[in-house]
Protein backbone atom coordinates (compact mmCIF):
# COMPACT_ATOMS: atom_id res chain seq x y z
CA MET A 1 24.49 -2.21 52.12
CA LYS A 2 26.25 1.07 52.70
CA ARG A 3 29.17 0.02 50.50
CA ARG A 4 26.79 -1.25 47.75
CA GLN A 5 24.75 1.96 47.88
CA PHE A 6 27.94 4.03 47.65
CA ILE A 7 29.05 2.13 44.51
CA GLN A 8 25.61 2.51 42.91
CA ASN A 9 25.52 6.22 43.66
CA SER A 10 29.05 6.69 42.35
CA THR A 11 28.22 4.79 39.15
CA ALA A 12 25.10 6.92 38.60
CA ALA A 13 27.07 10.11 39.16
CA THR A 14 29.73 9.03 36.66
CA ALA A 15 27.07 8.21 34.07
CA LEU A 16 25.44 11.60 34.64
CA LEU A 17 28.76 13.36 34.13
CA GLY A 18 29.29 11.42 30.89
CA LEU A 19 25.85 12.38 29.59
CA SER A 20 26.48 15.98 30.60
CA GLY A 21 29.72 15.99 28.59
CA LEU A 22 27.95 14.57 25.55
CA GLY A 23 25.25 17.19 25.87
CA LEU A 24 27.75 20.02 25.89
CA GLN A 25 29.42 18.65 22.78
CA SER A 26 26.09 18.12 21.02
CA PHE A 27 24.91 21.66 21.66
CA ALA A 28 28.26 23.33 21.07
CA SER A 29 28.05 26.19 18.57
CA GLU A 30 28.76 24.92 15.06
CA THR A 31 30.62 27.25 12.71
CA LYS A 32 28.96 27.47 9.30
CA LYS A 33 30.79 28.78 6.25
CA ILE A 34 28.98 30.52 3.40
CA THR A 35 30.96 31.35 0.24
CA ILE A 36 29.87 34.11 -2.14
CA LEU A 37 31.42 34.08 -5.62
CA HIS A 38 30.76 36.97 -7.97
CA THR A 39 31.46 38.61 -11.32
CA ASN A 40 30.50 41.93 -12.92
CA ASP A 41 30.75 43.64 -16.29
CA VAL A 42 31.82 40.51 -18.14
CA HIS A 43 30.65 42.18 -21.39
CA SER A 44 30.32 39.07 -23.54
CA HIS A 45 33.95 38.01 -23.02
CA ILE A 46 33.74 34.28 -23.60
CA ASP A 47 37.33 33.48 -24.60
CA PRO A 48 40.49 34.27 -22.63
CA PHE A 49 42.65 37.17 -23.78
CA GLY A 50 45.46 36.11 -26.12
CA PRO A 51 49.14 35.73 -25.14
CA ASP A 52 50.08 38.97 -26.90
CA HIS A 53 47.56 41.21 -25.17
CA LYS A 54 49.38 44.14 -23.53
CA ARG A 55 47.45 44.22 -20.26
CA ASN A 56 45.53 40.96 -19.87
CA ALA A 57 47.63 38.29 -21.57
CA ASN A 58 46.24 34.77 -20.97
CA LYS A 59 43.64 36.00 -18.46
CA GLY A 60 39.92 35.36 -18.33
CA GLY A 61 37.70 32.97 -20.26
CA VAL A 62 34.48 31.23 -19.23
CA ALA A 63 36.03 27.74 -19.24
CA ARG A 64 38.69 28.77 -16.73
CA ARG A 65 36.09 30.47 -14.56
CA ALA A 66 34.03 27.27 -14.64
CA THR A 67 37.01 25.25 -13.38
CA LEU A 68 37.57 27.69 -10.52
CA VAL A 69 33.91 27.73 -9.54
CA GLU A 70 33.68 23.95 -9.62
CA SER A 71 36.71 23.53 -7.35
CA ILE A 72 35.39 26.09 -4.84
CA ARG A 73 31.96 24.42 -4.77
CA LYS A 74 33.63 21.06 -4.06
CA GLU A 75 35.45 22.66 -1.15
CA ASN A 76 32.25 24.27 0.15
CA PRO A 77 28.86 23.22 -1.26
CA ASN A 78 27.28 26.18 0.57
CA THR A 79 28.26 28.58 -2.20
CA LEU A 80 26.35 31.18 -4.22
CA LEU A 81 27.48 32.48 -7.62
CA LEU A 82 26.19 35.98 -8.46
CA ASP A 83 26.61 38.55 -11.24
CA ALA A 84 26.23 42.34 -10.94
CA GLY A 85 25.18 43.16 -14.49
CA ASP A 86 26.47 44.23 -17.92
CA ILE A 87 26.51 40.65 -19.08
CA PHE A 88 26.02 41.84 -22.66
CA GLN A 89 27.99 43.88 -25.21
CA GLY A 90 31.72 43.91 -25.94
CA THR A 91 32.59 41.11 -28.35
CA PRO A 92 31.24 39.75 -31.67
CA TYR A 93 29.56 36.94 -29.70
CA PHE A 94 26.93 39.43 -28.57
CA ASN A 95 26.64 41.05 -31.98
CA TYR A 96 25.96 37.68 -33.58
CA TYR A 97 24.00 35.76 -30.93
CA GLY A 98 22.32 38.65 -29.09
CA GLY A 99 23.04 37.33 -25.59
CA GLU A 100 22.01 33.71 -26.12
CA LEU A 101 25.52 32.36 -25.65
CA GLU A 102 26.18 34.42 -22.53
CA PHE A 103 23.01 33.19 -20.80
CA LYS A 104 23.58 29.58 -21.85
CA LEU A 105 27.14 29.57 -20.50
CA MET A 106 26.13 31.24 -17.24
CA SER A 107 23.44 28.58 -16.89
CA MET A 108 26.06 25.87 -17.40
CA LEU A 109 28.15 27.49 -14.66
CA LYS A 110 24.99 27.35 -12.50
CA TYR A 111 24.82 31.02 -11.62
CA ASP A 112 22.30 31.50 -8.83
CA LEU A 113 21.27 35.09 -9.53
CA ALA A 114 22.10 38.22 -11.53
CA THR A 115 21.05 41.84 -11.72
CA ILE A 116 20.59 43.98 -14.83
CA GLY A 117 23.12 46.53 -16.10
CA ASN A 118 22.62 49.36 -18.57
CA HIS A 119 24.34 47.43 -21.41
CA ASP A 120 21.91 44.57 -20.96
CA PHE A 121 19.44 46.85 -22.80
CA ASP A 122 21.72 47.18 -25.84
CA ASN A 123 19.41 45.07 -27.98
CA GLY A 124 16.46 46.83 -26.42
CA ILE A 125 14.21 45.52 -23.66
CA ASP A 126 12.59 43.22 -26.22
CA GLY A 127 16.01 41.77 -27.06
CA LEU A 128 16.70 41.13 -23.38
CA TYR A 129 13.30 39.50 -22.95
CA ALA A 130 13.87 37.28 -26.00
CA GLN A 131 16.98 35.76 -24.39
CA LEU A 132 15.37 34.92 -21.01
CA PRO A 133 14.51 31.32 -22.01
CA HIS A 134 18.26 30.64 -22.24
CA ALA A 135 18.85 31.77 -18.62
CA LYS A 136 18.37 28.99 -16.06
CA PHE A 137 18.92 31.50 -13.27
CA GLU A 138 16.82 34.40 -12.02
CA PHE A 139 17.21 38.19 -12.16
CA VAL A 140 16.66 40.70 -9.37
CA SER A 141 16.21 44.46 -9.63
CA ALA A 142 14.33 46.32 -6.92
CA ASN A 143 14.53 49.88 -8.28
CA TYR A 144 13.61 49.15 -11.91
CA ASP A 145 9.85 49.02 -12.25
CA PHE A 146 9.09 46.84 -15.28
CA SER A 147 5.30 46.87 -14.75
CA ASN A 148 4.47 48.33 -18.16
CA THR A 149 7.06 46.35 -20.14
CA VAL A 150 7.54 42.82 -21.47
CA MET A 151 9.87 42.16 -18.52
CA ASP A 152 6.99 42.48 -16.03
CA THR A 153 6.95 39.47 -13.63
CA HIS A 154 10.28 38.21 -15.05
CA VAL A 155 12.44 40.26 -12.66
CA LYS A 156 11.97 40.04 -8.90
CA PRO A 157 13.06 42.69 -6.38
CA TYR A 158 14.85 40.11 -4.21
CA LYS A 159 15.39 36.42 -3.61
CA VAL A 160 16.04 34.46 -0.40
CA PHE A 161 18.37 31.45 -0.35
CA VAL A 162 18.92 28.99 2.49
CA LYS A 163 22.35 27.38 2.70
CA ASN A 164 23.14 25.07 5.62
CA GLY A 165 20.41 26.72 7.69
CA ILE A 166 21.69 30.25 6.97
CA LYS A 167 19.16 32.56 5.28
CA ILE A 168 20.68 34.82 2.61
CA GLY A 169 18.65 37.65 1.12
CA VAL A 170 19.82 39.18 -2.16
CA PHE A 171 18.29 42.22 -3.85
CA GLY A 172 19.30 44.11 -7.00
CA LEU A 173 19.82 47.77 -7.90
CA GLY A 174 20.35 49.38 -11.30
CA ILE A 175 21.77 52.69 -12.47
CA GLN A 176 19.67 55.52 -13.87
CA LEU A 177 19.12 54.66 -17.54
CA ASP A 178 18.25 58.15 -18.76
CA GLY A 179 21.37 59.57 -20.39
CA LEU A 180 23.04 56.17 -20.66
CA VAL A 181 20.48 54.24 -22.70
CA SER A 182 18.12 55.50 -25.37
CA LYS A 183 14.51 55.73 -24.21
CA ASN A 184 13.40 53.53 -27.10
CA MET A 185 15.66 50.77 -25.73
CA TYR A 186 14.33 50.61 -22.17
CA LYS A 187 10.85 51.92 -23.05
CA GLU A 188 8.52 52.22 -20.02
CA THR A 189 11.04 50.97 -17.46
CA VAL A 190 10.79 53.28 -14.43
CA TYR A 191 13.89 54.10 -12.38
CA ASN A 192 13.41 54.59 -8.63
CA ASP A 193 15.86 56.04 -6.11
CA PRO A 194 18.27 53.23 -5.18
CA ILE A 195 18.97 54.39 -1.62
CA GLU A 196 15.29 54.57 -0.67
CA ILE A 197 14.64 51.19 -2.29
CA ALA A 198 17.70 49.67 -0.59
CA GLN A 199 16.46 50.79 2.81
CA ASP A 200 13.09 49.14 2.14
CA MET A 201 14.59 45.94 0.73
CA SER A 202 17.10 45.46 3.54
CA ARG A 203 14.38 46.07 6.15
CA ILE A 204 12.06 43.53 4.50
CA LEU A 205 14.82 40.93 4.28
CA LYS A 206 15.95 41.53 7.86
CA GLU A 207 12.61 41.87 9.64
CA GLU A 208 10.11 39.96 7.53
CA HIS A 209 12.36 37.18 6.23
CA SER A 210 14.80 37.03 9.19
CA CYS A 211 17.81 36.85 6.90
CA ASP A 212 21.20 36.21 8.50
CA LEU A 213 23.10 37.72 5.55
CA ILE A 214 21.87 40.52 3.27
CA ILE A 215 23.55 41.17 -0.09
CA CYS A 216 22.95 43.96 -2.57
CA LEU A 217 23.75 43.17 -6.21
CA SER A 218 24.44 46.67 -7.47
CA HIS A 219 25.04 48.13 -10.90
CA ILE A 220 25.25 51.76 -9.77
CA GLY A 221 29.04 52.19 -9.59
CA TYR A 222 31.66 52.01 -6.84
CA ASN A 223 32.40 55.72 -6.25
CA TYR A 224 32.31 59.05 -8.10
CA LYS A 225 34.99 61.38 -6.72
CA ASN A 226 34.25 64.10 -9.28
CA HIS A 227 30.49 63.79 -8.79
CA PRO A 228 29.96 63.51 -5.01
CA ASP A 229 26.18 63.92 -5.35
CA ARG A 230 25.87 60.84 -7.55
CA VAL A 231 24.62 57.65 -5.91
CA SER A 232 27.37 55.04 -5.55
CA ASP A 233 28.05 51.81 -3.69
CA LEU A 234 30.09 53.62 -1.02
CA LYS A 235 27.31 56.13 -0.49
CA LEU A 236 24.77 53.31 -0.36
CA ALA A 237 26.83 51.54 2.30
CA LYS A 238 27.07 54.68 4.46
CA THR A 239 23.39 55.62 4.32
CA THR A 240 21.75 52.22 4.99
CA LYS A 241 21.90 49.93 8.01
CA ASP A 242 21.10 46.27 7.28
CA ILE A 243 23.26 45.41 4.24
CA ASP A 244 26.24 43.14 4.91
CA LEU A 245 27.75 43.00 1.43
CA ILE A 246 27.45 45.15 -1.70
CA ILE A 247 28.62 43.43 -4.88
CA GLY A 248 29.13 46.20 -7.40
CA GLY A 249 29.41 46.81 -11.11
CA HIS A 250 29.32 49.51 -13.80
CA THR A 251 32.55 51.41 -13.01
CA HIS A 252 34.85 48.42 -13.78
CA THR A 253 36.59 49.04 -10.45
CA PHE A 254 39.21 46.46 -9.54
CA LEU A 255 39.50 45.81 -5.82
CA PRO A 256 42.10 43.25 -4.62
CA LYS A 257 39.91 42.76 -1.55
CA PRO A 258 36.60 44.24 -0.37
CA THR A 259 36.43 47.78 0.98
CA ILE A 260 35.12 48.00 4.54
CA GLU A 261 32.71 50.90 5.00
CA LYS A 262 30.74 51.94 8.11
CA ASN A 263 26.98 52.05 7.71
CA SER A 264 24.51 54.49 9.29
CA VAL A 265 24.65 52.66 12.66
CA ASP A 266 28.46 52.27 12.60
CA LYS A 267 28.53 48.62 11.57
CA ASN A 268 30.81 47.20 8.87
CA VAL A 269 29.64 46.75 5.29
CA LEU A 270 31.78 44.99 2.70
CA VAL A 271 31.84 46.57 -0.77
CA ASN A 272 33.46 44.63 -3.59
CA GLN A 273 33.89 44.82 -7.36
CA VAL A 274 36.24 42.78 -9.56
CA GLY A 275 37.08 44.89 -12.59
CA ALA A 276 35.58 43.67 -15.86
CA TYR A 277 35.67 41.18 -18.76
CA GLY A 278 35.74 38.05 -16.58
CA LEU A 279 39.39 38.58 -15.68
CA TYR A 280 38.74 38.02 -11.98
CA LEU A 281 36.40 36.12 -9.71
CA GLY A 282 35.39 37.65 -6.39
CA LYS A 283 35.31 35.29 -3.39
CA ILE A 284 34.03 36.19 0.07
CA ASP A 285 33.67 33.70 2.91
CA PHE A 286 31.29 34.41 5.78
CA TYR A 287 31.45 32.40 9.01
CA PHE A 288 28.43 32.07 11.28
CA GLU A 289 27.92 30.75 14.79
CA SER A 290 24.39 30.42 16.20
CA GLY A 291 23.08 32.22 13.11
CA LYS A 292 25.27 35.27 13.69
CA GLU A 293 28.18 36.34 11.52
CA VAL A 294 31.45 36.14 13.40
CA LYS A 295 33.96 36.91 10.67
CA SER A 296 34.48 37.24 6.93
CA ASN A 297 37.39 36.94 4.50
CA GLY A 298 37.50 38.35 0.97
CA ALA A 299 39.86 37.85 -1.95
CA THR A 300 39.96 38.46 -5.70
CA ILE A 301 41.08 35.49 -7.77
CA ILE A 302 42.79 35.91 -11.16
CA VAL A 303 41.10 33.81 -13.82
């Protein structure tokens, strides 16, 4: 009996150890990868630059961008594709089609979200509104108040995505239109201070929506060395506390990789911008464990 009891007890202990090992493996922290792809200031550049172009020979083009995006999505389905504004103006395609082609092609590329740049008013706010049916993606702008315009209810301040259990909050910011765009083009659109709005948006996304990753789609410009009082992406990063990534536009700044800036509580913020005209695609990978970001990698890809 003693020998039999010993064997039974030993067998039970072995089984318990096996279950314990399985449990540890089952509850081990899984690393989740979120990929953010982005463009800015494409300015109606649909075709690639020609072989004889002095600076950008054989670069760019929507078809090539589509191929890149498709291959990256196959590698990681948990991918967002975003645009930081100035979709319009720069080639005869815009002059002839008024933005229809740009929105249709972005829809075919399955952009997830875009913000609004100053040149997106170049056919007036009514012209922008008229092209919205061709956009199968949404627009965000938190500091443009469109309440008294045709764009009212068509632009949200922010949007929350969930990818592989990771909550991603994205809000938009636009540059002051006065002095850049004629009043008769943007009409009753009201511009609000981007830093104040960004603080509110990031708090809402962090506290009320429990977002794991907060992104600002900005069309306010990377930096203004000769105008230090002007609001910029770098200033925005320094003076706020809950933004993880600022995707910029307006200044056509080319960054080979994101700038790392310290925010108001000494935490890292990534700031990126990829030039203009669809020549480059920004790619940033975020890695999460237990819902917390553990690392990120950024690169700019030549199209």
